[in-house]
Amino acid sequence: MIQVFKPYMGDEEIEAVAEVLRSGWIGLGPRTAQFEKEFAEYLGAPCAVGVNSCTAALDLALRLLDIRKGDEVIVPAMTFVSTAHCVAYNDAVPIFADVDERTLAIDLEDVKRKITRHTKAVIPVHYGGRPVDIDALREVDGSRIFIIEDAAHACGAEYKGRKAGTLGDVACFSFHAVKNLATGDGGAVVVKDTALFERAKRMRWLGIDRGTWDRTEVDRSYWWEYFVNEIGLKCHMNDITAAIGLVQLRKLDAMNARRRTIAGMYDEAFKDMPWIETPPKDDALFRSAWHIYCIKASRRDDLSVYLKDHGVATGVHYKPIHLYRCYGNRPSLPVAERVFENILTLPMYPGMSDEDVSEVVNAIRAFYTESPVCATASSRMSMPT
């Protein structure tokens, strides 16, 4: 079975973990600090704080920006549920915006319609790895509200030559097992000033002002003492995941280059298939990290079953969040609801061979060739002009 996602790790990651285990320090310690420094340098960002997931990063970002009960935060409908859940964690109100039909990213015109005096933040998701047009978003919100980048898909992506994660007020990354930079699990919050950096470090460790590793370097009496001035979380990174992250960071550009090559192979193969719409290509302004290669396909469900039967796994990213029962009776978002019926995520990972790509393409071609009703189905599929 050709998987949708697959971790890309080897002996270097194994040895990095072994070194940490041998050191006797496997919790929040020197490797985490090193990873935070090198990750921030890679992005060209002032500061990064390692946490245990992007979900925790989003939750922490909202707390850092003092998002409170009753505040409104605009989120796109087409994303993983964490983006909205973290708003609810903080007793704020997620306001769902529709998506752009071509990019599947947040629709800026719908954001403009939904900004009220209660709006405190917007969370643009760099869907699939392609950055949102942040400059255009700034014009929509008039720089009055916070922009929290959900960069879970976008590690290494660029917008106008700047790395995703340096575009908004705060940014959140995922290092989940199948992300572009994978540590098994993990994440990071990227902030722009020292005060937020120091507060983020406290907040990810229960509000404690100095971690255990920091306290080992204090050469005075009461070295064991710390202070807790606000109630924080327990969501820090550890040195095992950080050690893996350091190796992955050095491979990231090469891994993303392979993803870009695979995307190009798919683009070329599908250009003569009228039943398939491919995602937007890279250009001078937008350079995707290609975490997801999401097509819009006629007869999506039948195609997915056919591919599974022929050794190719697929996914759907995502069912629009506003349709889930936990968010109650929400207004219609017509574009998200329409494109949801056709979107299909194809296999994409650095270890995928050219032969694997050809197998996926040939299976898709065979499905539409063998199907006697594909042309009729295609005519009913909603596609932008």
Protein backbone atom coordinates (compact mmCIF):
# COMPACT_ATOMS: atom_id res chain seq x y z
CA MET A 1 0.00 0.00 0.00
CA ILE A 2 1.31 3.43 -0.94
CA GLN A 3 0.51 5.55 2.13
CA VAL A 4 -0.85 9.10 2.09
CA PHE A 5 1.89 10.23 4.50
CA LYS A 6 4.99 8.45 5.73
CA PRO A 7 7.74 9.59 8.13
CA TYR A 8 11.14 10.08 6.54
CA MET A 9 13.75 9.14 9.13
CA GLY A 10 16.93 7.12 9.26
CA ASP A 11 20.05 6.27 11.25
CA GLU A 12 20.85 9.91 12.04
CA GLU A 13 17.60 10.34 13.96
CA ILE A 14 18.13 7.02 15.75
CA GLU A 15 21.63 8.01 16.84
CA ALA A 16 20.43 11.47 17.97
CA VAL A 17 17.87 9.83 20.25
CA ALA A 18 20.46 7.35 21.53
CA GLU A 19 22.77 10.23 22.47
CA VAL A 20 20.03 11.85 24.51
CA LEU A 21 19.20 8.60 26.27
CA ARG A 22 22.85 8.06 27.10
CA SER A 23 23.15 11.59 28.47
CA GLY A 24 20.64 10.89 31.23
CA TRP A 25 18.74 14.12 30.48
CA ILE A 26 15.65 13.37 28.41
CA GLY A 27 13.18 16.01 29.57
CA LEU A 28 13.10 19.76 28.93
CA GLY A 29 16.78 20.57 28.65
CA PRO A 30 19.74 21.56 26.47
CA ARG A 31 18.62 19.86 23.24
CA THR A 32 15.28 21.67 23.44
CA ALA A 33 17.04 25.00 23.87
CA GLN A 34 19.32 24.21 20.93
CA PHE A 35 16.40 23.25 18.71
CA GLU A 36 14.51 26.41 19.62
CA LYS A 37 17.53 28.53 18.69
CA GLU A 38 18.24 26.77 15.39
CA PHE A 39 14.59 26.65 14.35
CA ALA A 40 14.20 30.39 14.95
CA GLU A 41 17.38 31.03 12.95
CA TYR A 42 16.09 28.89 10.08
CA LEU A 43 12.88 30.90 9.92
CA GLY A 44 14.60 34.24 10.39
CA ALA A 45 12.47 34.78 13.48
CA PRO A 46 13.54 36.32 16.80
CA CYS A 47 12.29 33.55 19.09
CA ALA A 48 10.74 30.08 19.07
CA VAL A 49 9.42 28.05 22.00
CA GLY A 50 9.16 24.25 21.72
CA VAL A 51 5.92 22.60 22.85
CA ASN A 52 4.39 19.14 22.57
CA SER A 53 1.94 19.76 19.68
CA CYS A 54 0.59 22.42 17.37
CA THR A 55 -2.67 22.19 19.32
CA ALA A 56 -0.77 23.27 22.42
CA ALA A 57 0.98 25.97 20.39
CA LEU A 58 -2.34 27.43 19.25
CA ASP A 59 -3.76 27.32 22.76
CA LEU A 60 -0.63 28.98 24.12
CA ALA A 61 -0.70 31.65 21.39
CA LEU A 62 -4.22 32.68 22.34
CA ARG A 63 -3.24 32.88 26.00
CA LEU A 64 -0.15 34.95 25.18
CA LEU A 65 -2.34 37.43 23.33
CA ASP A 66 -4.83 37.54 26.21
CA ILE A 67 -7.77 36.22 24.19
CA ARG A 68 -10.56 35.93 26.76
CA LYS A 69 -14.14 34.88 27.31
CA GLY A 70 -16.47 36.41 24.74
CA ASP A 71 -13.71 37.49 22.35
CA GLU A 72 -14.25 36.45 18.73
CA VAL A 73 -11.56 34.69 16.69
CA ILE A 74 -12.08 34.12 12.97
CA VAL A 75 -10.96 30.71 11.68
CA PRO A 76 -11.31 29.00 8.30
CA ALA A 77 -13.80 26.17 7.98
CA MET A 78 -11.38 23.95 6.05
CA THR A 79 -8.79 22.93 8.60
CA PHE A 80 -8.10 20.41 11.37
CA VAL A 81 -10.41 20.83 14.35
CA SER A 82 -7.56 22.02 16.62
CA THR A 83 -7.69 25.46 15.01
CA ALA A 84 -11.20 26.04 16.35
CA HIS A 85 -10.95 23.90 19.47
CA CYS A 86 -8.16 26.09 20.84
CA VAL A 87 -10.44 29.11 20.59
CA ALA A 88 -13.06 27.23 22.59
CA TYR A 89 -10.43 26.15 25.16
CA ASN A 90 -10.02 29.83 26.01
CA ASP A 91 -13.78 30.49 26.29
CA ALA A 92 -13.61 32.64 23.17
CA VAL A 93 -15.97 32.32 20.20
CA PRO A 94 -14.76 30.72 16.93
CA ILE A 95 -16.26 32.55 13.96
CA PHE A 96 -16.09 30.36 10.87
CA ALA A 97 -15.11 31.91 7.55
CA ASP A 98 -15.55 30.34 4.15
CA VAL A 99 -12.60 29.33 1.97
CA ASP A 100 -11.24 30.36 -1.39
CA GLU A 101 -12.39 27.84 -3.99
CA ARG A 102 -9.00 27.60 -5.68
CA THR A 103 -6.57 27.57 -2.74
CA LEU A 104 -8.87 26.21 0.03
CA ALA A 105 -7.36 28.86 2.33
CA ILE A 106 -9.43 31.37 4.28
CA ASP A 107 -11.56 33.68 2.11
CA LEU A 108 -10.41 37.22 2.80
CA GLU A 109 -13.68 38.81 1.71
CA ASP A 110 -15.58 36.62 4.13
CA VAL A 111 -13.13 37.59 6.88
CA LYS A 112 -13.90 41.24 6.14
CA ARG A 113 -17.65 40.57 6.42
CA LYS A 114 -17.24 38.84 9.77
CA ILE A 115 -15.03 41.29 11.65
CA THR A 116 -16.93 42.94 14.50
CA ARG A 117 -16.00 45.07 17.50
CA HIS A 118 -15.57 41.80 19.40
CA THR A 119 -13.02 40.35 16.95
CA LYS A 120 -9.62 40.02 18.58
CA ALA A 121 -7.76 37.67 16.22
CA VAL A 122 -7.85 35.74 12.97
CA ILE A 123 -6.09 32.40 12.44
CA PRO A 124 -5.15 31.96 8.77
CA VAL A 125 -4.20 28.36 8.00
CA HIS A 126 -1.51 27.88 5.36
CA TYR A 127 -3.52 25.07 3.81
CA GLY A 128 -1.50 22.27 2.25
CA GLY A 129 1.68 24.27 2.81
CA ARG A 130 0.82 27.27 0.58
CA PRO A 131 0.99 30.52 2.57
CA VAL A 132 -2.02 32.77 2.89
CA ASP A 133 -1.67 36.24 1.33
CA ILE A 134 -0.86 37.89 4.65
CA ASP A 135 -0.35 41.37 3.21
CA ALA A 136 -3.86 41.27 1.76
CA LEU A 137 -5.17 39.99 5.09
CA ARG A 138 -3.50 42.92 6.86
CA GLU A 139 -5.40 45.28 4.55
CA VAL A 140 -8.67 43.52 5.35
CA ASP A 141 -8.26 43.76 9.12
CA GLY A 142 -6.58 47.15 9.07
CA SER A 143 -3.90 45.79 11.45
CA ARG A 144 -6.49 46.12 14.22
CA ILE A 145 -6.63 42.44 15.14
CA PHE A 146 -3.95 39.84 15.84
CA ILE A 147 -2.89 37.44 13.10
CA ILE A 148 -1.99 33.99 14.43
CA GLU A 149 -0.45 31.86 11.68
CA ASP A 150 -1.46 28.20 11.75
CA ALA A 151 1.65 26.94 9.97
CA ALA A 152 1.13 23.26 10.76
CA HIS A 153 1.43 22.41 7.04
CA ALA A 154 3.93 25.10 6.10
CA CYS A 155 7.34 24.37 7.60
CA GLY A 156 9.76 25.79 5.04
CA ALA A 157 7.11 27.53 2.92
CA GLU A 158 7.74 31.08 1.72
CA TYR A 159 5.64 34.16 0.97
CA LYS A 160 7.34 36.98 -0.93
CA GLY A 161 10.70 35.50 0.06
CA ARG A 162 9.87 35.35 3.78
CA LYS A 163 9.38 32.11 5.67
CA ALA A 164 5.91 31.16 6.85
CA GLY A 165 5.89 31.68 10.59
CA THR A 166 7.39 35.18 10.37
CA LEU A 167 4.38 36.84 8.73
CA GLY A 168 1.85 37.33 11.53
CA ASP A 169 1.98 38.38 15.16
CA VAL A 170 2.45 34.83 16.44
CA ALA A 171 2.88 31.55 14.54
CA CYS A 172 2.25 27.91 15.41
CA PHE A 173 3.97 24.85 13.93
CA SER A 174 3.37 21.12 14.07
CA PHE A 175 6.11 18.48 14.20
CA HIS A 176 3.69 15.54 14.19
CA ALA A 177 4.98 12.23 12.86
CA VAL A 178 3.98 12.90 9.24
CA LYS A 179 4.66 16.63 9.01
CA ASN A 180 7.42 18.10 6.83
CA LEU A 181 9.64 18.38 9.91
CA ALA A 182 8.67 15.42 12.08
CA THR A 183 9.67 14.60 15.64
CA GLY A 184 7.02 11.97 16.42
CA ASP A 185 4.93 14.71 17.98
CA GLY A 186 5.67 18.26 18.97
CA GLY A 187 5.25 21.85 17.92
CA ALA A 188 6.52 25.38 18.34
CA VAL A 189 5.25 28.88 19.03
CA VAL A 190 7.12 31.63 17.18
CA VAL A 191 6.98 35.10 18.74
CA LYS A 192 8.56 38.45 17.91
CA ASP A 193 9.66 39.98 21.19
CA THR A 194 11.56 38.98 24.30
CA ALA A 195 8.67 39.59 26.69
CA LEU A 196 6.37 37.17 24.85
CA PHE A 197 9.24 34.68 24.52
CA GLU A 198 9.89 34.66 28.26
CA ARG A 199 6.18 34.44 29.06
CA ALA A 200 5.73 31.58 26.57
CA LYS A 201 8.55 29.64 28.24
CA ARG A 202 6.87 30.09 31.61
CA MET A 203 3.41 29.27 30.31
CA ARG A 204 4.47 26.00 28.64
CA TRP A 205 5.92 24.87 32.02
CA LEU A 206 3.01 25.51 34.41
CA GLY A 207 3.87 29.18 34.86
CA ILE A 208 7.16 28.34 36.60
CA ASP A 209 9.75 31.04 35.98
CA ARG A 210 12.74 28.68 35.63
CA GLY A 211 12.83 25.12 34.33
CA THR A 212 14.82 22.37 36.01
CA TRP A 213 17.67 22.62 33.50
CA ASP A 214 17.88 26.38 34.01
CA ARG A 215 18.07 25.92 37.77
CA THR A 216 21.05 23.53 37.47
CA GLU A 217 23.20 26.44 36.30
CA VAL A 218 22.47 28.68 39.31
CA ASP A 219 25.44 28.73 41.66
CA ARG A 220 23.99 30.11 44.86
CA SER A 221 21.86 29.12 47.83
CA TYR A 222 18.20 28.37 47.18
CA TRP A 223 19.11 27.08 43.68
CA TRP A 224 16.02 24.89 43.92
CA GLU A 225 13.61 27.81 44.29
CA TYR A 226 11.29 29.07 41.56
CA PHE A 227 8.31 31.43 41.33
CA VAL A 228 4.85 30.94 39.82
CA ASN A 229 3.11 34.25 39.11
CA GLU A 230 0.41 32.93 36.77
CA ILE A 231 -1.19 29.56 36.10
CA GLY A 232 0.34 27.95 33.03
CA LEU A 233 0.12 24.70 31.10
CA LYS A 234 2.31 21.62 30.91
CA CYS A 235 3.00 21.33 27.21
CA HIS A 236 6.76 21.66 26.81
CA MET A 237 8.93 19.87 24.27
CA ASN A 238 11.47 17.33 25.55
CA ASP A 239 15.04 16.57 24.53
CA ILE A 240 14.17 13.33 22.75
CA THR A 241 11.84 15.05 20.28
CA ALA A 242 14.19 18.04 20.07
CA ALA A 243 17.10 15.80 19.10
CA ILE A 244 15.05 14.31 16.26
CA GLY A 245 13.97 17.82 15.29
CA LEU A 246 17.56 19.03 14.99
CA VAL A 247 18.34 16.27 12.48
CA GLN A 248 15.10 16.85 10.58
CA LEU A 249 15.74 20.60 10.43
CA ARG A 250 19.01 19.99 8.58
CA LYS A 251 17.16 17.81 6.05
CA LEU A 252 14.09 20.02 5.72
CA ASP A 253 14.97 21.93 2.56
CA ALA A 254 15.99 18.75 0.76
CA MET A 255 12.82 16.95 1.88
CA ASN A 256 10.68 19.86 0.74
CA ALA A 257 12.49 19.92 -2.60
CA ARG A 258 11.52 16.28 -3.12
CA ARG A 259 7.91 17.11 -2.25
CA ARG A 260 8.04 19.91 -4.83
CA THR A 261 9.33 17.47 -7.46
CA ILE A 262 6.49 15.04 -6.71
CA ALA A 263 3.95 17.86 -6.98
CA GLY A 264 5.37 18.74 -10.39
CA MET A 265 5.08 15.12 -11.53
CA TYR A 266 1.44 15.04 -10.49
CA ASP A 267 0.77 18.37 -12.21
CA GLU A 268 2.24 17.12 -15.48
CA ALA A 269 0.39 13.81 -15.34
CA PHE A 270 -3.01 15.31 -14.62
CA LYS A 271 -2.95 18.18 -17.13
CA ASP A 272 -4.81 16.07 -19.72
CA MET A 273 -7.36 14.67 -17.25
CA PRO A 274 -10.52 16.83 -17.27
CA TRP A 275 -11.86 14.99 -14.22
CA ILE A 276 -9.04 16.28 -11.99
CA GLU A 277 -8.28 19.81 -10.78
CA THR A 278 -4.81 20.23 -9.34
CA PRO A 279 -3.79 22.62 -6.51
CA PRO A 280 -2.23 26.03 -7.26
CA LYS A 281 1.35 25.93 -8.48
CA ASP A 282 4.24 27.79 -6.89
CA ASP A 283 4.98 31.23 -8.29
CA ALA A 284 7.06 34.32 -7.54
CA LEU A 285 4.98 35.17 -4.43
CA PHE A 286 3.94 31.79 -3.03
CA ARG A 287 6.24 28.82 -2.45
CA SER A 288 4.41 25.93 -0.85
CA ALA A 289 5.92 23.38 1.53
CA TRP A 290 3.68 20.81 -0.23
CA HIS A 291 2.63 19.00 2.91
CA ILE A 292 -0.61 18.04 1.16
CA TYR A 293 -1.30 17.49 -2.53
CA CYS A 294 -5.06 17.92 -2.65
CA ILE A 295 -6.95 17.45 -5.91
CA LYS A 296 -10.60 18.06 -6.69
CA ALA A 297 -11.92 14.94 -8.33
CA SER A 298 -15.11 13.86 -10.03
CA ARG A 299 -16.74 10.94 -8.16
CA ARG A 300 -14.34 11.40 -5.25
CA ASP A 301 -15.69 8.61 -3.05
CA ASP A 302 -15.72 6.01 -5.83
CA LEU A 303 -12.21 7.03 -6.83
CA SER A 304 -10.96 6.72 -3.25
CA VAL A 305 -12.37 3.20 -2.89
CA TYR A 306 -10.91 2.18 -6.26
CA LEU A 307 -7.48 3.48 -5.30
CA LYS A 308 -7.56 1.66 -1.98
CA ASP A 309 -8.45 -1.56 -3.78
CA HIS A 310 -5.43 -0.98 -6.03
CA GLY A 311 -2.91 -0.31 -3.28
CA VAL A 312 -3.09 3.49 -2.97
CA ALA A 313 -4.23 5.19 0.25
CA THR A 314 -5.89 8.62 0.12
CA GLY A 315 -7.35 11.12 2.57
CA VAL A 316 -9.82 13.98 2.83
CA HIS A 317 -8.49 17.20 4.34
CA TYR A 318 -10.87 18.35 5.66
CA LYS A 319 -14.52 18.07 6.48
CA PRO A 320 -15.50 21.70 7.22
CA ILE A 321 -15.38 22.24 10.98
CA HIS A 322 -18.69 24.11 11.16
CA LEU A 323 -20.48 20.91 10.15
CA TYR A 324 -19.46 19.09 13.33
CA ARG A 325 -22.11 18.73 16.01
CA CYS A 326 -19.91 20.15 18.76
CA TYR A 327 -20.18 23.61 17.18
CA GLY A 328 -23.97 23.57 17.06
CA ASN A 329 -26.13 25.30 14.50
CA ARG A 330 -23.79 27.31 12.29
CA PRO A 331 -24.51 29.42 9.19
CA SER A 332 -23.90 27.93 5.76
CA LEU A 333 -20.47 28.33 4.19
CA PRO A 334 -21.28 27.42 0.59
CA VAL A 335 -17.79 27.13 -0.91
CA ALA A 336 -16.38 24.93 1.86
CA GLU A 337 -19.45 22.70 1.74
CA ARG A 338 -19.29 22.40 -2.04
CA VAL A 339 -15.58 21.66 -2.46
CA PHE A 340 -15.68 19.19 0.43
CA GLU A 341 -17.59 16.79 -1.83
CA ASN A 342 -14.68 16.63 -4.31
CA ILE A 343 -11.39 17.07 -2.43
CA LEU A 344 -8.99 14.14 -2.17
CA THR A 345 -5.46 14.07 -0.73
CA LEU A 346 -3.00 11.97 -2.72
CA PRO A 347 0.18 10.34 -1.37
CA MET A 348 2.99 12.84 -0.72
CA TYR A 349 6.17 12.24 1.29
CA PRO A 350 9.92 12.58 0.63
CA GLY A 351 10.56 8.84 0.50
CA MET A 352 8.01 8.36 -2.28
CA SER A 353 9.72 7.06 -5.42
CA ASP A 354 9.05 8.08 -9.01
CA GLU A 355 7.61 4.61 -9.52
CA ASP A 356 5.18 5.17 -6.64
CA VAL A 357 4.02 8.42 -8.22
CA SER A 358 3.48 6.66 -11.56
CA GLU A 359 1.50 3.93 -9.82
CA VAL A 360 -0.82 6.52 -8.25
CA VAL A 361 -1.28 8.34 -11.55
CA ASN A 362 -1.89 5.14 -13.52
CA ALA A 363 -4.48 3.95 -11.02
CA ILE A 364 -6.36 7.26 -11.27
CA ARG A 365 -6.21 7.16 -15.07
CA ALA A 366 -7.45 3.57 -15.06
CA PHE A 367 -10.41 4.48 -12.83
CA TYR A 368 -11.67 7.15 -15.20
CA THR A 369 -10.91 5.05 -18.30
CA GLU A 370 -12.80 2.07 -16.97
CA SER A 371 -15.76 4.08 -15.67
CA PRO A 372 -18.58 4.40 -18.23
CA VAL A 373 -20.14 7.40 -16.44
CA CYS A 374 -17.10 9.52 -15.61
CA ALA A 375 -17.82 12.15 -18.28
CA THR A 376 -21.34 12.68 -16.95
CA ALA A 377 -20.06 12.84 -13.40
CA SER A 378 -17.40 15.33 -14.42
CA SER A 379 -19.98 17.66 -15.87
CA ARG A 380 -21.71 17.80 -12.48
CA MET A 381 -18.56 18.50 -10.49
CA SER A 382 -18.24 22.06 -9.24
CA MET A 383 -15.06 23.58 -10.64
CA PRO A 384 -13.98 27.22 -10.70
CA THR A 385 -13.58 28.72 -14.14
